[in-house]
Amino acid sequence: MEFFCFHRDRPGSLPLREKLLEEHWSYMDRYDEGMIARGPLFAGDGDDAPLVGSVHILGLPGPADARAFAFDEPLYRAGGYRDVLLRRWRNLLGRTMGEFPGGRSGGNRYLVLGLGEGEPADTAVPPGPDDLVAYGPLLSDDGTAWLGTAALLRASGPDAARAVLTADRYASIEVYSWEFGGRR
């Protein structure tokens, strides 16, 4: 099963994040084999954009394992996150970020998170899959109910990234700048 996990930072938690960095990496190393995509998220473009959290999309045996992944993470246990969004996810591209044809650098990268209601939307891969790093629906724990769509992609800017989703089909759409994650 595949899961989408967004750990949203608590304001002022950067010193705690820096203090627990190696502990975080050691924890994430245990999940490296199942990682589809991951990385830090920022509120805006540019080198001075504030960090707002991190995203992890990964394969795990089941919902209990996903909850353990999300809530045993060292920064979560230390109180560094404001909240956690954890959902089943379906990898419509069938690849990992390491297989993205655009590579790790070049261009602006974004997470587009559409929180849905009602009939499912954007359930097929949109045109231009070469700019998509990861794409798929957010689902209920049992995988039967559509709760939204998440995309990691390369785009010219936040408005172009947002356009990957059908705006009037979501209760809200959030866009964050994203960088490829993983140990350097």
C-alpha atoms as a PDB file:
ATOM      1  CA  MET A   1       0.000   0.000   0.000  1.00  0.00           C
ATOM      2  CA  GLU A   2       1.119   3.541  -0.703  1.00  0.00           C
ATOM      3  CA  PHE A   3       0.753   6.465   1.679  1.00  0.00           C
ATOM      4  CA  PHE A   4       1.102  10.250   1.559  1.00  0.00           C
ATOM      5  CA  CYS A   5       2.436  11.908   4.731  1.00  0.00           C
ATOM      6  CA  PHE A   6       2.762  15.679   5.240  1.00  0.00           C
ATOM      7  CA  HIS A   7       4.427  16.675   8.520  1.00  0.00           C
ATOM      8  CA  ARG A   8       3.596  20.385   8.908  1.00  0.00           C
ATOM      9  CA  ASP A   9       6.129  22.244  11.098  1.00  0.00           C
ATOM     10  CA  ARG A  10       5.137  24.018  14.279  1.00  0.00           C
ATOM     11  CA  PRO A  11       6.123  27.710  14.099  1.00  0.00           C
ATOM     12  CA  GLY A  12       9.533  28.265  15.682  1.00  0.00           C
ATOM     13  CA  SER A  13      10.561  24.603  15.457  1.00  0.00           C
ATOM     14  CA  LEU A  14      13.597  25.090  13.178  1.00  0.00           C
ATOM     15  CA  PRO A  15      16.140  24.906  16.061  1.00  0.00           C
ATOM     16  CA  LEU A  16      14.565  21.629  17.197  1.00  0.00           C
ATOM     17  CA  ARG A  17      14.630  20.324  13.599  1.00  0.00           C
ATOM     18  CA  GLU A  18      18.349  21.176  13.349  1.00  0.00           C
ATOM     19  CA  LYS A  19      19.072  19.511  16.693  1.00  0.00           C
ATOM     20  CA  LEU A  20      17.317  16.284  15.653  1.00  0.00           C
ATOM     21  CA  LEU A  21      18.560  16.196  12.056  1.00  0.00           C
ATOM     22  CA  GLU A  22      20.771  13.100  12.354  1.00  0.00           C
ATOM     23  CA  GLU A  23      18.140  11.285  14.410  1.00  0.00           C
ATOM     24  CA  HIS A  24      15.592  12.121  11.677  1.00  0.00           C
ATOM     25  CA  TRP A  25      17.911  10.830   8.941  1.00  0.00           C
ATOM     26  CA  SER A  26      18.629   7.616  10.818  1.00  0.00           C
ATOM     27  CA  TYR A  27      14.895   7.079  11.213  1.00  0.00           C
ATOM     28  CA  MET A  28      14.206   7.757   7.517  1.00  0.00           C
ATOM     29  CA  ASP A  29      17.024   5.410   6.454  1.00  0.00           C
ATOM     30  CA  ARG A  30      14.878   2.528   7.752  1.00  0.00           C
ATOM     31  CA  TYR A  31      12.224   3.406   5.127  1.00  0.00           C
ATOM     32  CA  ASP A  32      14.510   4.160   2.188  1.00  0.00           C
ATOM     33  CA  GLU A  33      13.543   1.078   0.169  1.00  0.00           C
ATOM     34  CA  GLY A  34       9.823   1.968   0.149  1.00  0.00           C
ATOM     35  CA  MET A  35      10.249   5.705  -0.489  1.00  0.00           C
ATOM     36  CA  ILE A  36       8.503   6.945  -3.641  1.00  0.00           C
ATOM     37  CA  ALA A  37       9.171  10.656  -3.075  1.00  0.00           C
ATOM     38  CA  ARG A  38      10.146  12.963  -0.219  1.00  0.00           C
ATOM     39  CA  GLY A  39      11.538  16.336   0.624  1.00  0.00           C
ATOM     40  CA  PRO A  40      11.187  19.645   2.416  1.00  0.00           C
ATOM     41  CA  LEU A  41       8.354  22.073   1.692  1.00  0.00           C
ATOM     42  CA  PHE A  42       8.609  25.861   1.702  1.00  0.00           C
ATOM     43  CA  ALA A  43       6.137  28.768   1.791  1.00  0.00           C
ATOM     44  CA  GLY A  44       7.212  30.450  -1.440  1.00  0.00           C
ATOM     45  CA  ASP A  45      10.071  30.374  -3.903  1.00  0.00           C
ATOM     46  CA  GLY A  46      13.646  31.495  -3.307  1.00  0.00           C
ATOM     47  CA  ASP A  47      16.441  30.799  -0.874  1.00  0.00           C
ATOM     48  CA  ASP A  48      14.830  32.789   1.941  1.00  0.00           C
ATOM     49  CA  ALA A  49      11.425  31.025   1.799  1.00  0.00           C
ATOM     50  CA  PRO A  50      10.499  29.650   5.227  1.00  0.00           C
ATOM     51  CA  LEU A  51      10.388  25.891   5.735  1.00  0.00           C
ATOM     52  CA  VAL A  52       6.828  24.709   6.434  1.00  0.00           C
ATOM     53  CA  GLY A  53       7.305  20.953   6.703  1.00  0.00           C
ATOM     54  CA  SER A  54       8.145  17.847   4.743  1.00  0.00           C
ATOM     55  CA  VAL A  55       6.399  15.341   2.530  1.00  0.00           C
ATOM     56  CA  HIS A  56       6.971  11.595   2.326  1.00  0.00           C
ATOM     57  CA  ILE A  57       5.223   9.274  -0.116  1.00  0.00           C
ATOM     58  CA  LEU A  58       6.048   5.650   0.520  1.00  0.00           C
ATOM     59  CA  GLY A  59       4.936   2.060   0.319  1.00  0.00           C
ATOM     60  CA  LEU A  60       4.151   0.291   3.587  1.00  0.00           C
ATOM     61  CA  PRO A  61       2.315  -2.950   4.495  1.00  0.00           C
ATOM     62  CA  GLY A  62      -0.794  -1.226   5.896  1.00  0.00           C
ATOM     63  CA  PRO A  63      -2.420   1.720   7.711  1.00  0.00           C
ATOM     64  CA  ALA A  64      -0.993   0.754  11.117  1.00  0.00           C
ATOM     65  CA  ASP A  65       2.522   0.824   9.641  1.00  0.00           C
ATOM     66  CA  ALA A  66       1.812   4.232   8.088  1.00  0.00           C
ATOM     67  CA  ARG A  67       0.645   5.622  11.439  1.00  0.00           C
ATOM     68  CA  ALA A  68       3.793   4.232  13.085  1.00  0.00           C
ATOM     69  CA  PHE A  69       5.929   5.875  10.367  1.00  0.00           C
ATOM     70  CA  ALA A  70       4.216   9.253  10.840  1.00  0.00           C
ATOM     71  CA  PHE A  71       3.974   9.345  14.619  1.00  0.00           C
ATOM     72  CA  ASP A  72       7.222   7.636  15.657  1.00  0.00           C
ATOM     73  CA  GLU A  73       9.271  10.142  13.636  1.00  0.00           C
ATOM     74  CA  PRO A  74      11.723  11.867  16.039  1.00  0.00           C
ATOM     75  CA  LEU A  75      10.649  15.454  15.350  1.00  0.00           C
ATOM     76  CA  TYR A  76       6.981  14.516  15.760  1.00  0.00           C
ATOM     77  CA  ARG A  77       7.729  12.826  19.093  1.00  0.00           C
ATOM     78  CA  ALA A  78       9.630  15.950  20.244  1.00  0.00           C
ATOM     79  CA  GLY A  79       6.682  18.256  19.429  1.00  0.00           C
ATOM     80  CA  GLY A  80       8.166  19.844  16.313  1.00  0.00           C
ATOM     81  CA  TYR A  81       5.124  19.405  14.078  1.00  0.00           C
ATOM     82  CA  ARG A  82       1.896  21.380  14.182  1.00  0.00           C
ATOM     83  CA  ASP A  83      -0.035  18.557  12.536  1.00  0.00           C
ATOM     84  CA  VAL A  84       0.274  15.560  10.253  1.00  0.00           C
ATOM     85  CA  LEU A  85      -1.789  14.738   7.172  1.00  0.00           C
ATOM     86  CA  LEU A  86      -1.664  10.997   6.512  1.00  0.00           C
ATOM     87  CA  ARG A  87      -3.652   9.419   3.667  1.00  0.00           C
ATOM     88  CA  ARG A  88      -3.607   6.339   1.487  1.00  0.00           C
ATOM     89  CA  TRP A  89      -2.328   7.259  -1.953  1.00  0.00           C
ATOM     90  CA  ARG A  90      -2.116   5.620  -5.359  1.00  0.00           C
ATOM     91  CA  ASN A  91       1.002   6.053  -7.489  1.00  0.00           C
ATOM     92  CA  LEU A  92      -0.534   6.692 -10.924  1.00  0.00           C
ATOM     93  CA  LEU A  93       2.892   7.263 -12.500  1.00  0.00           C
ATOM     94  CA  GLY A  94       4.281   3.956 -11.251  1.00  0.00           C
ATOM     95  CA  ARG A  95       7.726   5.413 -10.564  1.00  0.00           C
ATOM     96  CA  THR A  96       9.812   6.997  -7.825  1.00  0.00           C
ATOM     97  CA  MET A  97      11.289  10.486  -7.757  1.00  0.00           C
ATOM     98  CA  GLY A  98      14.642   8.902  -8.607  1.00  0.00           C
ATOM     99  CA  GLU A  99      13.121   7.805 -11.914  1.00  0.00           C
ATOM    100  CA  PHE A 100      11.805  11.287 -12.755  1.00  0.00           C
ATOM    101  CA  PRO A 101      13.173  12.102 -16.239  1.00  0.00           C
ATOM    102  CA  GLY A 102      13.860  15.730 -15.229  1.00  0.00           C
ATOM    103  CA  GLY A 103      16.438  14.783 -12.584  1.00  0.00           C
ATOM    104  CA  ARG A 104      17.003  16.222  -9.102  1.00  0.00           C
ATOM    105  CA  SER A 105      17.649  19.827 -10.110  1.00  0.00           C
ATOM    106  CA  GLY A 106      16.583  22.448 -12.605  1.00  0.00           C
ATOM    107  CA  GLY A 107      13.327  24.372 -12.599  1.00  0.00           C
ATOM    108  CA  ASN A 108      10.872  25.116  -9.841  1.00  0.00           C
ATOM    109  CA  ARG A 109       9.362  22.135  -8.006  1.00  0.00           C
ATOM    110  CA  TYR A 110       6.044  22.115  -6.130  1.00  0.00           C
ATOM    111  CA  LEU A 111       3.676  20.051  -4.058  1.00  0.00           C
ATOM    112  CA  VAL A 112       0.077  20.677  -5.096  1.00  0.00           C
ATOM    113  CA  LEU A 113      -2.373  19.307  -2.554  1.00  0.00           C
ATOM    114  CA  GLY A 114      -6.059  19.316  -3.445  1.00  0.00           C
ATOM    115  CA  LEU A 115      -8.400  18.419  -0.607  1.00  0.00           C
ATOM    116  CA  GLY A 116     -11.571  17.105  -2.168  1.00  0.00           C
ATOM    117  CA  GLU A 117     -15.189  16.514  -1.470  1.00  0.00           C
ATOM    118  CA  GLY A 118     -17.878  14.824  -3.511  1.00  0.00           C
ATOM    119  CA  GLU A 119     -17.199  13.056  -6.778  1.00  0.00           C
ATOM    120  CA  PRO A 120     -13.556  12.170  -7.496  1.00  0.00           C
ATOM    121  CA  ALA A 121     -11.615  14.569  -9.719  1.00  0.00           C
ATOM    122  CA  ASP A 122      -8.282  14.428 -11.511  1.00  0.00           C
ATOM    123  CA  THR A 123      -8.056  10.653 -11.186  1.00  0.00           C
ATOM    124  CA  ALA A 124      -6.081  10.189 -14.418  1.00  0.00           C
ATOM    125  CA  VAL A 125      -2.564  11.404 -15.195  1.00  0.00           C
ATOM    126  CA  PRO A 126      -2.836  14.879 -16.760  1.00  0.00           C
ATOM    127  CA  PRO A 127      -1.093  15.903 -19.994  1.00  0.00           C
ATOM    128  CA  GLY A 128       2.638  16.589 -19.709  1.00  0.00           C
ATOM    129  CA  PRO A 129       3.672  13.695 -17.479  1.00  0.00           C
ATOM    130  CA  ASP A 130       7.344  14.538 -18.054  1.00  0.00           C
ATOM    131  CA  ASP A 131       6.912  17.419 -15.581  1.00  0.00           C
ATOM    132  CA  LEU A 132       5.241  15.200 -12.980  1.00  0.00           C
ATOM    133  CA  VAL A 133       7.459  13.703 -10.299  1.00  0.00           C
ATOM    134  CA  ALA A 134       4.607  11.986  -8.411  1.00  0.00           C
ATOM    135  CA  TYR A 135       0.844  12.078  -8.943  1.00  0.00           C
ATOM    136  CA  GLY A 136      -2.125  10.302  -7.440  1.00  0.00           C
ATOM    137  CA  PRO A 137      -5.340  10.370  -5.452  1.00  0.00           C
ATOM    138  CA  LEU A 138      -5.548  10.746  -1.681  1.00  0.00           C
ATOM    139  CA  LEU A 139      -7.759   7.979  -0.312  1.00  0.00           C
ATOM    140  CA  SER A 140      -9.435   6.853   2.897  1.00  0.00           C
ATOM    141  CA  ASP A 141      -7.684   4.226   5.040  1.00  0.00           C
ATOM    142  CA  ASP A 142      -9.569   1.413   3.304  1.00  0.00           C
ATOM    143  CA  GLY A 143      -8.785   2.893  -0.137  1.00  0.00           C
ATOM    144  CA  THR A 144     -12.438   3.233  -1.183  1.00  0.00           C
ATOM    145  CA  ALA A 145     -13.169   6.955  -0.735  1.00  0.00           C
ATOM    146  CA  TRP A 146     -11.469   9.724  -2.729  1.00  0.00           C
ATOM    147  CA  LEU A 147     -10.314  12.559  -0.429  1.00  0.00           C
ATOM    148  CA  GLY A 148      -8.265  14.617  -2.872  1.00  0.00           C
ATOM    149  CA  THR A 149      -5.242  14.556  -5.131  1.00  0.00           C
ATOM    150  CA  ALA A 150      -1.534  15.184  -4.529  1.00  0.00           C
ATOM    151  CA  ALA A 151       1.077  16.040  -7.155  1.00  0.00           C
ATOM    152  CA  LEU A 152       4.789  16.760  -7.030  1.00  0.00           C
ATOM    153  CA  LEU A 153       5.834  18.514 -10.203  1.00  0.00           C
ATOM    154  CA  ARG A 154       8.109  20.896 -12.037  1.00  0.00           C
ATOM    155  CA  ALA A 155       6.371  24.111 -13.154  1.00  0.00           C
ATOM    156  CA  SER A 156       7.184  27.696 -14.101  1.00  0.00           C
ATOM    157  CA  GLY A 157       5.563  29.014 -10.912  1.00  0.00           C
ATOM    158  CA  PRO A 158       2.916  28.320  -8.258  1.00  0.00           C
ATOM    159  CA  ASP A 159      -0.025  29.299 -10.487  1.00  0.00           C
ATOM    160  CA  ALA A 160       1.142  26.951 -13.242  1.00  0.00           C
ATOM    161  CA  ALA A 161       1.594  24.194 -10.656  1.00  0.00           C
ATOM    162  CA  ARG A 162      -1.898  24.779  -9.217  1.00  0.00           C
ATOM    163  CA  ALA A 163      -3.352  24.420 -12.733  1.00  0.00           C
ATOM    164  CA  VAL A 164      -2.551  20.678 -12.691  1.00  0.00           C
ATOM    165  CA  LEU A 165      -5.774  20.270 -10.635  1.00  0.00           C
ATOM    166  CA  THR A 166      -9.324  21.264 -11.584  1.00  0.00           C
ATOM    167  CA  ALA A 167      -9.884  24.221  -9.226  1.00  0.00           C
ATOM    168  CA  ASP A 168     -13.657  24.021  -8.778  1.00  0.00           C
ATOM    169  CA  ARG A 169     -13.542  20.340  -7.764  1.00  0.00           C
ATOM    170  CA  TYR A 170     -11.709  20.883  -4.449  1.00  0.00           C
ATOM    171  CA  ALA A 171     -12.600  22.398  -1.090  1.00  0.00           C
ATOM    172  CA  SER A 172      -9.075  23.837  -1.087  1.00  0.00           C
ATOM    173  CA  ILE A 173      -5.843  23.616  -3.045  1.00  0.00           C
ATOM    174  CA  GLU A 174      -2.506  24.243  -1.322  1.00  0.00           C
ATOM    175  CA  VAL A 175       0.749  24.857  -3.199  1.00  0.00           C
ATOM    176  CA  TYR A 176       4.204  24.628  -1.608  1.00  0.00           C
ATOM    177  CA  SER A 177       7.674  24.893  -3.053  1.00  0.00           C
ATOM    178  CA  TRP A 178       9.366  21.500  -2.816  1.00  0.00           C
ATOM    179  CA  GLU A 179      12.894  20.140  -3.073  1.00  0.00           C
ATOM    180  CA  PHE A 180      13.974  16.579  -3.724  1.00  0.00           C
ATOM    181  CA  GLY A 181      14.736  15.049  -0.336  1.00  0.00           C
ATOM    182  CA  GLY A 182      16.966  12.293   0.960  1.00  0.00           C
ATOM    183  CA  ARG A 183      20.456  12.171   2.367  1.00  0.00           C
ATOM    184  CA  ARG A 184      22.879  14.259   0.383  1.00  0.00           C
END
